[in-house]
Amino acid sequence: MITVMSYRDIIDWLEQSAHRYLFIMWYISDPLNKLAETVSEFSIEVVNSGGSFFLSYEIHLHLRMTMPNLVMEYSNSVDERVNVQGLLEDLHQVTLQCGLFDVGSVKSRALRCHNWLIGDEGDSVDFVHISFELLAGRSDEQKRDLSRQLMDVLQQQASHVRSLTVNIRDMDTECFQKVIN
């Protein structure tokens, strides 16, 4: 297994062997270039699996994507019964420890809602809703597992809140913009 930390390192390694480079770059160059635009770190594993020249390599990419945003919205009545800062910190820890993201890129925040309506009960129903946005690249299974972990924390700390929800969605990488000053 060859492990490298940057797109440039991967290209340098591939260029060391012309036949690997030509085959692999023909097969995955466009996807790698697209990944390089949004992925902070990835490694490549090339395994010689035997067989003919064109079938002799299995290619595995291991990604660590950036840009998760956890936004916890909650009704202002939740403030009286839940340690909101503690809940946010625990949800943040789930995200840090899940292994899907660069630790330095995880952003979590809580937004208190003063005005809301739910069904025909208006603002008498309290809620906590987690919106979790991330760049594409995780499997449905990884997203389901993360969603379950976040919901477990919600249920442990806010079981008396009537509505607890988690929504994980992929961000559109074609439209996403980021500036770090």
N, C-alpha and C. Protein backbone atom coordinates (compact mmCIF):
# COMPACT_ATOMS: atom_id res chain seq x y z
N MET A 1 0.84 -1.18 0.00
CA MET A 1 0.00 0.00 0.00
C MET A 1 0.89 1.24 0.00
N ILE A 2 0.56 2.19 -0.83
CA ILE A 2 1.25 3.47 -0.88
C ILE A 2 0.30 4.50 -0.27
N THR A 3 0.76 5.24 0.72
CA THR A 3 -0.08 6.26 1.33
C THR A 3 0.58 7.61 1.12
N VAL A 4 -0.19 8.54 0.61
CA VAL A 4 0.31 9.88 0.37
C VAL A 4 -0.70 10.87 0.92
N MET A 5 -0.25 12.10 1.16
CA MET A 5 -1.11 13.05 1.85
C MET A 5 -1.68 14.15 0.96
N SER A 6 -1.20 14.30 -0.24
CA SER A 6 -1.72 15.38 -1.07
C SER A 6 -1.89 14.90 -2.50
N TYR A 7 -2.69 15.63 -3.22
CA TYR A 7 -2.92 15.33 -4.63
C TYR A 7 -1.59 15.34 -5.39
N ARG A 8 -0.77 16.34 -5.13
CA ARG A 8 0.52 16.44 -5.83
C ARG A 8 1.39 15.22 -5.53
N ASP A 9 1.42 14.76 -4.29
CA ASP A 9 2.18 13.57 -3.93
C ASP A 9 1.68 12.34 -4.69
N ILE A 10 0.38 12.23 -4.86
CA ILE A 10 -0.18 11.10 -5.60
C ILE A 10 0.29 11.14 -7.05
N ILE A 11 0.21 12.29 -7.66
CA ILE A 11 0.65 12.42 -9.06
C ILE A 11 2.14 12.10 -9.17
N ASP A 12 2.97 12.60 -8.24
CA ASP A 12 4.40 12.31 -8.26
C ASP A 12 4.65 10.81 -8.16
N TRP A 13 3.93 10.14 -7.26
CA TRP A 13 4.11 8.70 -7.10
C TRP A 13 3.71 7.96 -8.37
N LEU A 14 2.59 8.36 -8.96
CA LEU A 14 2.13 7.69 -10.17
C LEU A 14 3.11 7.88 -11.32
N GLU A 15 3.74 9.05 -11.40
CA GLU A 15 4.69 9.31 -12.47
C GLU A 15 5.97 8.49 -12.35
N GLN A 16 6.25 7.94 -11.19
CA GLN A 16 7.43 7.11 -11.00
C GLN A 16 7.34 5.81 -11.79
N SER A 17 6.16 5.40 -12.14
CA SER A 17 5.99 4.19 -12.92
C SER A 17 5.09 4.50 -14.09
N ALA A 18 5.65 4.57 -15.27
CA ALA A 18 4.91 5.00 -16.46
C ALA A 18 3.69 4.14 -16.71
N HIS A 19 3.80 2.81 -16.61
CA HIS A 19 2.63 2.00 -16.94
C HIS A 19 1.52 2.17 -15.90
N ARG A 20 1.88 2.32 -14.64
CA ARG A 20 0.84 2.59 -13.63
C ARG A 20 0.22 3.95 -13.90
N TYR A 21 1.09 4.92 -14.18
CA TYR A 21 0.60 6.27 -14.40
C TYR A 21 -0.36 6.33 -15.57
N LEU A 22 0.04 5.76 -16.71
CA LEU A 22 -0.81 5.83 -17.90
C LEU A 22 -2.15 5.15 -17.67
N PHE A 23 -2.13 3.96 -17.10
CA PHE A 23 -3.37 3.24 -16.87
C PHE A 23 -4.24 3.95 -15.84
N ILE A 24 -3.64 4.28 -14.70
CA ILE A 24 -4.44 4.87 -13.63
C ILE A 24 -4.94 6.25 -14.03
N MET A 25 -4.09 7.06 -14.63
CA MET A 25 -4.52 8.40 -14.99
C MET A 25 -5.57 8.37 -16.09
N TRP A 26 -5.47 7.39 -16.98
CA TRP A 26 -6.51 7.26 -18.00
C TRP A 26 -7.83 6.89 -17.34
N TYR A 27 -7.76 6.05 -16.31
CA TYR A 27 -8.95 5.51 -15.68
C TYR A 27 -9.57 6.47 -14.66
N ILE A 28 -8.74 7.22 -13.92
CA ILE A 28 -9.29 8.02 -12.82
C ILE A 28 -8.84 9.47 -12.82
N SER A 29 -8.22 9.97 -13.86
CA SER A 29 -7.69 11.33 -13.79
C SER A 29 -8.78 12.37 -13.59
N ASP A 30 -9.88 12.28 -14.30
CA ASP A 30 -10.93 13.28 -14.14
C ASP A 30 -11.54 13.23 -12.74
N PRO A 31 -11.90 12.04 -12.23
CA PRO A 31 -12.40 12.01 -10.84
C PRO A 31 -11.38 12.52 -9.82
N LEU A 32 -10.10 12.21 -10.01
CA LEU A 32 -9.08 12.70 -9.06
C LEU A 32 -8.99 14.22 -9.10
N ASN A 33 -9.05 14.80 -10.29
CA ASN A 33 -8.98 16.25 -10.38
C ASN A 33 -10.18 16.89 -9.69
N LYS A 34 -11.36 16.32 -9.84
CA LYS A 34 -12.54 16.85 -9.16
C LYS A 34 -12.40 16.70 -7.65
N LEU A 35 -11.87 15.57 -7.20
CA LEU A 35 -11.67 15.37 -5.77
C LEU A 35 -10.67 16.37 -5.20
N ALA A 36 -9.63 16.64 -5.95
CA ALA A 36 -8.58 17.54 -5.46
C ALA A 36 -9.12 18.94 -5.16
N GLU A 37 -10.22 19.31 -5.81
CA GLU A 37 -10.80 20.62 -5.58
C GLU A 37 -11.49 20.73 -4.23
N THR A 38 -11.97 19.61 -3.68
CA THR A 38 -12.77 19.68 -2.46
C THR A 38 -12.25 18.83 -1.32
N VAL A 39 -11.30 17.96 -1.56
CA VAL A 39 -10.83 17.04 -0.54
C VAL A 39 -9.55 17.59 0.07
N SER A 40 -9.48 17.62 1.39
CA SER A 40 -8.28 18.15 2.02
C SER A 40 -7.18 17.12 2.11
N GLU A 41 -7.54 15.85 2.16
CA GLU A 41 -6.53 14.82 2.31
C GLU A 41 -7.08 13.53 1.73
N PHE A 42 -6.30 12.85 0.92
CA PHE A 42 -6.69 11.51 0.53
C PHE A 42 -5.47 10.71 0.21
N SER A 43 -5.63 9.41 0.33
CA SER A 43 -4.53 8.52 0.02
C SER A 43 -5.02 7.56 -1.05
N ILE A 44 -4.10 6.94 -1.71
CA ILE A 44 -4.44 5.99 -2.75
C ILE A 44 -3.76 4.67 -2.44
N GLU A 45 -4.46 3.62 -2.67
CA GLU A 45 -3.92 2.29 -2.46
C GLU A 45 -4.03 1.56 -3.79
N VAL A 46 -2.91 1.13 -4.31
CA VAL A 46 -2.89 0.38 -5.57
C VAL A 46 -2.39 -1.01 -5.25
N VAL A 47 -3.22 -1.99 -5.50
CA VAL A 47 -2.90 -3.37 -5.16
C VAL A 47 -2.79 -4.16 -6.45
N ASN A 48 -1.66 -4.83 -6.63
CA ASN A 48 -1.50 -5.69 -7.80
C ASN A 48 -2.27 -6.97 -7.52
N SER A 49 -3.35 -7.16 -8.26
CA SER A 49 -4.21 -8.31 -8.01
C SER A 49 -3.98 -9.44 -9.00
N GLY A 50 -2.92 -9.35 -9.80
CA GLY A 50 -2.64 -10.41 -10.77
C GLY A 50 -3.49 -10.24 -12.02
N GLY A 51 -3.34 -11.13 -12.94
CA GLY A 51 -4.13 -11.06 -14.16
C GLY A 51 -3.44 -10.26 -15.24
N SER A 52 -4.18 -9.91 -16.25
CA SER A 52 -3.60 -9.19 -17.39
C SER A 52 -3.22 -7.77 -17.00
N PHE A 53 -2.46 -7.12 -17.84
CA PHE A 53 -1.94 -5.78 -17.56
C PHE A 53 -3.06 -4.81 -17.17
N PHE A 54 -4.10 -4.73 -17.97
CA PHE A 54 -5.14 -3.74 -17.71
C PHE A 54 -6.06 -4.12 -16.56
N LEU A 55 -6.01 -5.36 -16.11
CA LEU A 55 -6.85 -5.77 -15.00
C LEU A 55 -6.04 -6.03 -13.74
N SER A 56 -4.76 -5.66 -13.74
CA SER A 56 -3.89 -6.08 -12.65
C SER A 56 -3.88 -5.13 -11.45
N TYR A 57 -4.56 -4.02 -11.50
CA TYR A 57 -4.53 -3.09 -10.38
C TYR A 57 -5.93 -2.80 -9.86
N GLU A 58 -6.06 -2.86 -8.56
CA GLU A 58 -7.28 -2.40 -7.91
C GLU A 58 -6.93 -1.06 -7.29
N ILE A 59 -7.79 -0.10 -7.46
CA ILE A 59 -7.52 1.25 -6.98
C ILE A 59 -8.51 1.58 -5.88
N HIS A 60 -8.01 1.97 -4.73
CA HIS A 60 -8.86 2.35 -3.60
C HIS A 60 -8.46 3.75 -3.16
N LEU A 61 -9.42 4.64 -3.10
CA LEU A 61 -9.18 5.98 -2.60
C LEU A 61 -9.72 6.07 -1.18
N HIS A 62 -8.95 6.66 -0.29
CA HIS A 62 -9.37 6.87 1.08
C HIS A 62 -9.44 8.38 1.29
N LEU A 63 -10.63 8.88 1.58
CA LEU A 63 -10.86 10.32 1.62
C LEU A 63 -11.05 10.85 3.03
N ARG A 64 -10.59 12.05 3.27
CA ARG A 64 -10.94 12.80 4.47
C ARG A 64 -11.42 14.15 3.97
N MET A 65 -12.70 14.31 3.98
CA MET A 65 -13.32 15.50 3.42
C MET A 65 -13.44 16.59 4.49
N THR A 66 -13.52 17.81 4.04
CA THR A 66 -13.67 18.93 4.94
C THR A 66 -15.09 19.47 4.88
N MET A 67 -15.34 20.48 5.62
CA MET A 67 -16.53 21.30 5.55
C MET A 67 -17.80 20.76 6.20
N PRO A 68 -17.76 20.02 7.25
CA PRO A 68 -19.04 19.71 7.87
C PRO A 68 -19.53 20.90 8.69
N ASN A 69 -20.81 21.16 8.58
CA ASN A 69 -21.46 22.22 9.34
C ASN A 69 -22.62 21.62 10.11
N LEU A 70 -22.54 21.63 11.44
CA LEU A 70 -23.62 21.18 12.28
C LEU A 70 -24.33 22.41 12.82
N VAL A 71 -25.62 22.52 12.51
CA VAL A 71 -26.42 23.65 13.00
C VAL A 71 -27.56 23.07 13.82
N MET A 72 -27.57 23.39 15.10
CA MET A 72 -28.63 22.94 15.99
C MET A 72 -29.61 24.09 16.19
N GLU A 73 -30.80 23.95 15.65
CA GLU A 73 -31.87 24.93 15.87
C GLU A 73 -32.74 24.39 17.00
N TYR A 74 -33.21 25.28 17.86
CA TYR A 74 -34.06 24.84 18.95
C TYR A 74 -35.03 25.94 19.35
N SER A 75 -36.19 25.53 19.84
CA SER A 75 -37.18 26.49 20.31
C SER A 75 -36.70 27.10 21.62
N ASN A 76 -37.03 28.35 21.84
CA ASN A 76 -36.49 29.03 23.02
C ASN A 76 -36.92 28.38 24.33
N SER A 77 -38.02 27.62 24.33
CA SER A 77 -38.45 26.93 25.55
C SER A 77 -37.48 25.80 25.94
N VAL A 78 -36.68 25.33 25.01
CA VAL A 78 -35.71 24.27 25.28
C VAL A 78 -34.63 24.77 26.23
N ASP A 79 -34.30 26.06 26.12
CA ASP A 79 -33.28 26.67 26.98
C ASP A 79 -33.52 26.42 28.47
N GLU A 80 -34.78 26.34 28.86
CA GLU A 80 -35.13 26.19 30.27
C GLU A 80 -34.89 24.77 30.78
N ARG A 81 -34.85 23.78 29.87
CA ARG A 81 -34.80 22.38 30.31
C ARG A 81 -33.60 21.60 29.81
N VAL A 82 -32.81 22.19 28.94
CA VAL A 82 -31.66 21.49 28.35
C VAL A 82 -30.44 22.38 28.48
N ASN A 83 -29.31 21.80 28.81
CA ASN A 83 -28.04 22.51 28.79
C ASN A 83 -27.61 22.61 27.32
N VAL A 84 -28.02 23.68 26.65
CA VAL A 84 -27.81 23.82 25.21
C VAL A 84 -26.32 23.80 24.86
N GLN A 85 -25.50 24.52 25.60
CA GLN A 85 -24.06 24.53 25.31
C GLN A 85 -23.47 23.14 25.48
N GLY A 86 -23.85 22.43 26.54
CA GLY A 86 -23.36 21.08 26.76
C GLY A 86 -23.80 20.12 25.66
N LEU A 87 -25.06 20.24 25.23
CA LEU A 87 -25.56 19.42 24.13
C LEU A 87 -24.79 19.71 22.85
N LEU A 88 -24.57 20.98 22.55
CA LEU A 88 -23.81 21.35 21.36
C LEU A 88 -22.40 20.78 21.41
N GLU A 89 -21.75 20.88 22.56
CA GLU A 89 -20.40 20.34 22.70
C GLU A 89 -20.37 18.83 22.49
N ASP A 90 -21.37 18.12 23.01
CA ASP A 90 -21.41 16.66 22.83
C ASP A 90 -21.68 16.28 21.38
N LEU A 91 -22.55 17.01 20.71
CA LEU A 91 -22.80 16.77 19.28
C LEU A 91 -21.53 17.05 18.47
N HIS A 92 -20.83 18.11 18.84
CA HIS A 92 -19.57 18.46 18.18
C HIS A 92 -18.55 17.34 18.36
N GLN A 93 -18.49 16.77 19.56
CA GLN A 93 -17.56 15.66 19.82
C GLN A 93 -17.88 14.43 18.97
N VAL A 94 -19.15 14.14 18.77
CA VAL A 94 -19.54 13.03 17.90
C VAL A 94 -18.96 13.26 16.51
N THR A 95 -19.08 14.48 16.02
CA THR A 95 -18.57 14.81 14.69
C THR A 95 -17.05 14.70 14.64
N LEU A 96 -16.38 15.18 15.67
CA LEU A 96 -14.92 15.11 15.70
C LEU A 96 -14.43 13.67 15.73
N GLN A 97 -15.15 12.81 16.43
CA GLN A 97 -14.68 11.44 16.67
C GLN A 97 -15.18 10.43 15.65
N CYS A 98 -16.03 10.83 14.72
CA CYS A 98 -16.59 9.85 13.78
C CYS A 98 -15.58 9.40 12.73
N GLY A 99 -14.48 10.15 12.54
CA GLY A 99 -13.44 9.75 11.60
C GLY A 99 -13.70 10.12 10.16
N LEU A 100 -14.75 10.87 9.89
CA LEU A 100 -15.08 11.23 8.51
C LEU A 100 -14.55 12.59 8.09
N PHE A 101 -14.08 13.38 9.05
CA PHE A 101 -13.73 14.78 8.76
C PHE A 101 -12.39 15.16 9.36
N ASP A 102 -11.77 16.17 8.77
CA ASP A 102 -10.60 16.80 9.39
C ASP A 102 -11.10 17.55 10.61
N VAL A 103 -10.48 17.32 11.74
CA VAL A 103 -10.93 17.91 12.99
C VAL A 103 -11.02 19.44 12.90
N GLY A 104 -10.03 20.06 12.27
CA GLY A 104 -10.00 21.52 12.19
C GLY A 104 -11.08 22.13 11.31
N SER A 105 -11.78 21.32 10.54
CA SER A 105 -12.79 21.87 9.64
C SER A 105 -14.21 21.72 10.18
N VAL A 106 -14.38 21.06 11.32
CA VAL A 106 -15.71 20.84 11.88
C VAL A 106 -16.22 22.13 12.52
N LYS A 107 -17.40 22.54 12.11
CA LYS A 107 -18.02 23.76 12.65
C LYS A 107 -19.40 23.41 13.20
N SER A 108 -19.65 23.79 14.44
CA SER A 108 -20.95 23.53 15.08
C SER A 108 -21.45 24.82 15.71
N ARG A 109 -22.75 25.03 15.63
CA ARG A 109 -23.34 26.21 16.23
C ARG A 109 -24.79 25.93 16.60
N ALA A 110 -25.29 26.69 17.55
CA ALA A 110 -26.67 26.56 18.00
C ALA A 110 -27.40 27.87 17.70
N LEU A 111 -28.61 27.73 17.18
CA LEU A 111 -29.44 28.89 16.85
C LEU A 111 -30.77 28.76 17.59
N ARG A 112 -31.01 29.70 18.47
CA ARG A 112 -32.26 29.72 19.24
C ARG A 112 -33.34 30.37 18.40
N CYS A 113 -34.46 29.71 18.30
CA CYS A 113 -35.59 30.24 17.53
C CYS A 113 -36.61 30.86 18.48
N HIS A 114 -36.93 32.10 18.23
CA HIS A 114 -37.90 32.81 19.06
C HIS A 114 -39.31 32.69 18.46
N ASN A 115 -39.37 32.46 17.19
CA ASN A 115 -40.65 32.35 16.50
C ASN A 115 -40.67 31.08 15.66
N TRP A 116 -41.69 30.25 15.84
CA TRP A 116 -41.83 29.02 15.06
C TRP A 116 -43.28 28.56 15.14
N LEU A 117 -43.66 27.75 14.20
CA LEU A 117 -44.99 27.16 14.17
C LEU A 117 -44.85 25.70 13.78
N ILE A 118 -45.57 24.83 14.48
CA ILE A 118 -45.56 23.41 14.14
C ILE A 118 -47.01 22.95 14.05
N GLY A 119 -47.39 22.52 12.84
CA GLY A 119 -48.75 22.03 12.62
C GLY A 119 -49.79 23.01 13.09
N ASP A 120 -50.87 22.49 13.69
CA ASP A 120 -51.92 23.37 14.20
C ASP A 120 -51.73 23.69 15.68
N GLU A 121 -50.57 23.29 16.24
CA GLU A 121 -50.27 23.58 17.64
C GLU A 121 -49.44 24.85 17.81
N GLY A 122 -49.10 25.47 16.69
CA GLY A 122 -48.38 26.73 16.74
C GLY A 122 -47.03 26.61 17.42
N ASP A 123 -46.78 27.51 18.38
CA ASP A 123 -45.48 27.52 19.06
C ASP A 123 -45.53 26.80 20.42
N SER A 124 -46.53 25.98 20.64
CA SER A 124 -46.61 25.27 21.92
C SER A 124 -45.80 23.97 21.93
N VAL A 125 -45.30 23.57 20.79
CA VAL A 125 -44.48 22.35 20.68
C VAL A 125 -43.01 22.76 20.65
N ASP A 126 -42.21 22.18 21.55
CA ASP A 126 -40.78 22.50 21.52
C ASP A 126 -40.04 21.53 20.61
N PHE A 127 -38.87 21.94 20.15
CA PHE A 127 -38.12 21.12 19.19
C PHE A 127 -36.63 21.37 19.30
N VAL A 128 -35.87 20.38 18.82
CA VAL A 128 -34.45 20.53 18.52
C VAL A 128 -34.27 19.88 17.16
N HIS A 129 -33.70 20.62 16.23
CA HIS A 129 -33.46 20.10 14.88
C HIS A 129 -31.99 20.28 14.53
N ILE A 130 -31.36 19.21 14.09
CA ILE A 130 -29.97 19.26 13.65
C ILE A 130 -29.94 19.24 12.13
N SER A 131 -29.37 20.27 11.54
CA SER A 131 -29.07 20.29 10.11
C SER A 131 -27.57 20.06 9.99
N PHE A 132 -27.20 19.05 9.25
CA PHE A 132 -25.79 18.70 9.11
C PHE A 132 -25.46 18.70 7.63
N GLU A 133 -24.66 19.67 7.20
CA GLU A 133 -24.29 19.78 5.80
C GLU A 133 -22.83 19.37 5.63
N LEU A 134 -22.58 18.61 4.57
CA LEU A 134 -21.22 18.16 4.29
C LEU A 134 -21.03 18.05 2.79
N LEU A 135 -19.77 18.09 2.38
CA LEU A 135 -19.47 17.91 0.97
C LEU A 135 -19.67 16.45 0.62
N ALA A 136 -20.10 16.19 -0.59
CA ALA A 136 -20.36 14.83 -1.05
C ALA A 136 -19.10 13.98 -0.91
N GLY A 137 -19.30 12.68 -0.75
CA GLY A 137 -18.17 11.77 -0.69
C GLY A 137 -18.30 10.68 0.36
N ARG A 138 -19.33 10.77 1.19
CA ARG A 138 -19.57 9.72 2.17
C ARG A 138 -20.66 8.80 1.67
N SER A 139 -20.58 7.56 2.08
CA SER A 139 -21.60 6.60 1.68
C SER A 139 -22.88 6.85 2.47
N ASP A 140 -23.98 6.30 1.98
CA ASP A 140 -25.25 6.40 2.71
C ASP A 140 -25.11 5.75 4.08
N GLU A 141 -24.38 4.67 4.16
CA GLU A 141 -24.17 3.98 5.43
C GLU A 141 -23.42 4.87 6.43
N GLN A 142 -22.39 5.58 5.98
CA GLN A 142 -21.65 6.48 6.86
C GLN A 142 -22.55 7.60 7.35
N LYS A 143 -23.37 8.15 6.46
CA LYS A 143 -24.27 9.24 6.85
C LYS A 143 -25.35 8.73 7.82
N ARG A 144 -25.88 7.54 7.58
CA ARG A 144 -26.87 6.95 8.50
C ARG A 144 -26.26 6.74 9.88
N ASP A 145 -25.04 6.22 9.92
CA ASP A 145 -24.36 5.98 11.19
C ASP A 145 -24.15 7.29 11.95
N LEU A 146 -23.70 8.32 11.25
CA LEU A 146 -23.51 9.63 11.88
C LEU A 146 -24.84 10.16 12.39
N SER A 147 -25.90 10.04 11.59
CA SER A 147 -27.22 10.49 11.99
C SER A 147 -27.69 9.78 13.26
N ARG A 148 -27.47 8.48 13.33
CA ARG A 148 -27.86 7.71 14.52
C ARG A 148 -27.07 8.16 15.75
N GLN A 149 -25.77 8.40 15.57
CA GLN A 149 -24.96 8.85 16.71
C GLN A 149 -25.42 10.21 17.23
N LEU A 150 -25.74 11.12 16.30
CA LEU A 150 -26.24 12.43 16.70
C LEU A 150 -27.59 12.30 17.41
N MET A 151 -28.47 11.46 16.88
CA MET A 151 -29.78 11.27 17.50
C MET A 151 -29.65 10.63 18.88
N ASP A 152 -28.70 9.73 19.06
CA ASP A 152 -28.47 9.12 20.38
C ASP A 152 -28.16 10.20 21.42
N VAL A 153 -27.30 11.14 21.04
CA VAL A 153 -26.95 12.23 21.97
C VAL A 153 -28.17 13.09 22.24
N LEU A 154 -28.94 13.40 21.20
CA LEU A 154 -30.17 14.19 21.40
C LEU A 154 -31.12 13.49 22.36
N GLN A 155 -31.33 12.21 22.16
CA GLN A 155 -32.26 11.47 23.01
C GLN A 155 -31.77 11.37 24.45
N GLN A 156 -30.46 11.24 24.63
CA GLN A 156 -29.91 11.16 25.99
C GLN A 156 -30.10 12.46 26.76
N GLN A 157 -29.96 13.59 26.05
CA GLN A 157 -29.95 14.87 26.75
C GLN A 157 -31.23 15.69 26.61
N ALA A 158 -32.08 15.34 25.66
CA ALA A 158 -33.27 16.14 25.43
C ALA A 158 -34.50 15.27 25.19
N SER A 159 -34.58 14.15 25.90
CA SER A 159 -35.68 13.21 25.67
C SER A 159 -37.05 13.81 25.99
N HIS A 160 -37.10 14.82 26.81
CA HIS A 160 -38.36 15.46 27.18
C HIS A 160 -38.79 16.54 26.17
N VAL A 161 -37.95 16.83 25.18
CA VAL A 161 -38.33 17.75 24.11
C VAL A 161 -39.18 16.96 23.11
N ARG A 162 -40.29 17.52 22.71
CA ARG A 162 -41.27 16.78 21.92
C ARG A 162 -40.78 16.35 20.55
N SER A 163 -40.09 17.22 19.85
CA SER A 163 -39.65 16.89 18.49
C SER A 163 -38.13 16.97 18.38
N LEU A 164 -37.51 15.82 18.10
CA LEU A 164 -36.06 15.75 17.88
C LEU A 164 -35.83 15.23 16.47
N THR A 165 -35.08 15.99 15.67
CA THR A 165 -34.84 15.57 14.28
C THR A 165 -33.40 15.82 13.88
N VAL A 166 -32.92 14.99 12.95
CA VAL A 166 -31.58 15.14 12.37
C VAL A 166 -31.72 15.01 10.87
N ASN A 167 -31.13 15.93 10.14
CA ASN A 167 -31.14 15.88 8.69
C ASN A 167 -29.71 16.07 8.18
N ILE A 168 -29.18 15.06 7.52
CA ILE A 168 -27.83 15.14 6.94
C ILE A 168 -27.98 15.25 5.44
N ARG A 169 -27.32 16.25 4.87
CA ARG A 169 -27.42 16.42 3.42
C ARG A 169 -26.09 16.85 2.82
N ASP A 170 -25.91 16.43 1.58
CA ASP A 170 -24.71 16.79 0.83
C ASP A 170 -24.86 18.19 0.25
N MET A 171 -23.77 18.95 0.34
CA MET A 171 -23.74 20.28 -0.25
C MET A 171 -23.37 20.16 -1.73
N ASP A 172 -23.80 21.10 -2.52
CA ASP A 172 -23.49 21.12 -3.95
C ASP A 172 -22.09 21.70 -4.14
N THR A 173 -21.12 20.84 -4.48
CA THR A 173 -19.73 21.30 -4.61
C THR A 173 -19.54 22.24 -5.79
N GLU A 174 -20.42 22.18 -6.78
CA GLU A 174 -20.32 23.07 -7.93
C GLU A 174 -20.63 24.52 -7.55
N CYS A 175 -21.46 24.70 -6.52
CA CYS A 175 -21.89 26.04 -6.13
C CYS A 175 -21.25 26.52 -4.83
N PHE A 176 -20.62 25.64 -4.12
CA PHE A 176 -20.04 26.01 -2.82
C PHE A 176 -18.84 26.93 -2.99
N GLN A 177 -18.78 27.97 -2.16
CA GLN A 177 -17.67 28.92 -2.15
C GLN A 177 -17.12 29.01 -0.73
N LYS A 178 -15.81 29.21 -0.61
CA LYS A 178 -15.21 29.36 0.70
C LYS A 178 -14.01 30.29 0.60
N VAL A 179 -13.90 31.20 1.56
CA VAL A 179 -12.75 32.09 1.67
C VAL A 179 -12.27 32.02 3.11
N ILE A 180 -10.99 31.79 3.31
CA ILE A 180 -10.39 31.82 4.64
C ILE A 180 -9.39 32.95 4.66
N ASN A 181 -9.59 33.90 5.53
CA ASN A 181 -8.70 35.05 5.63
C ASN A 181 -7.73 34.89 6.77
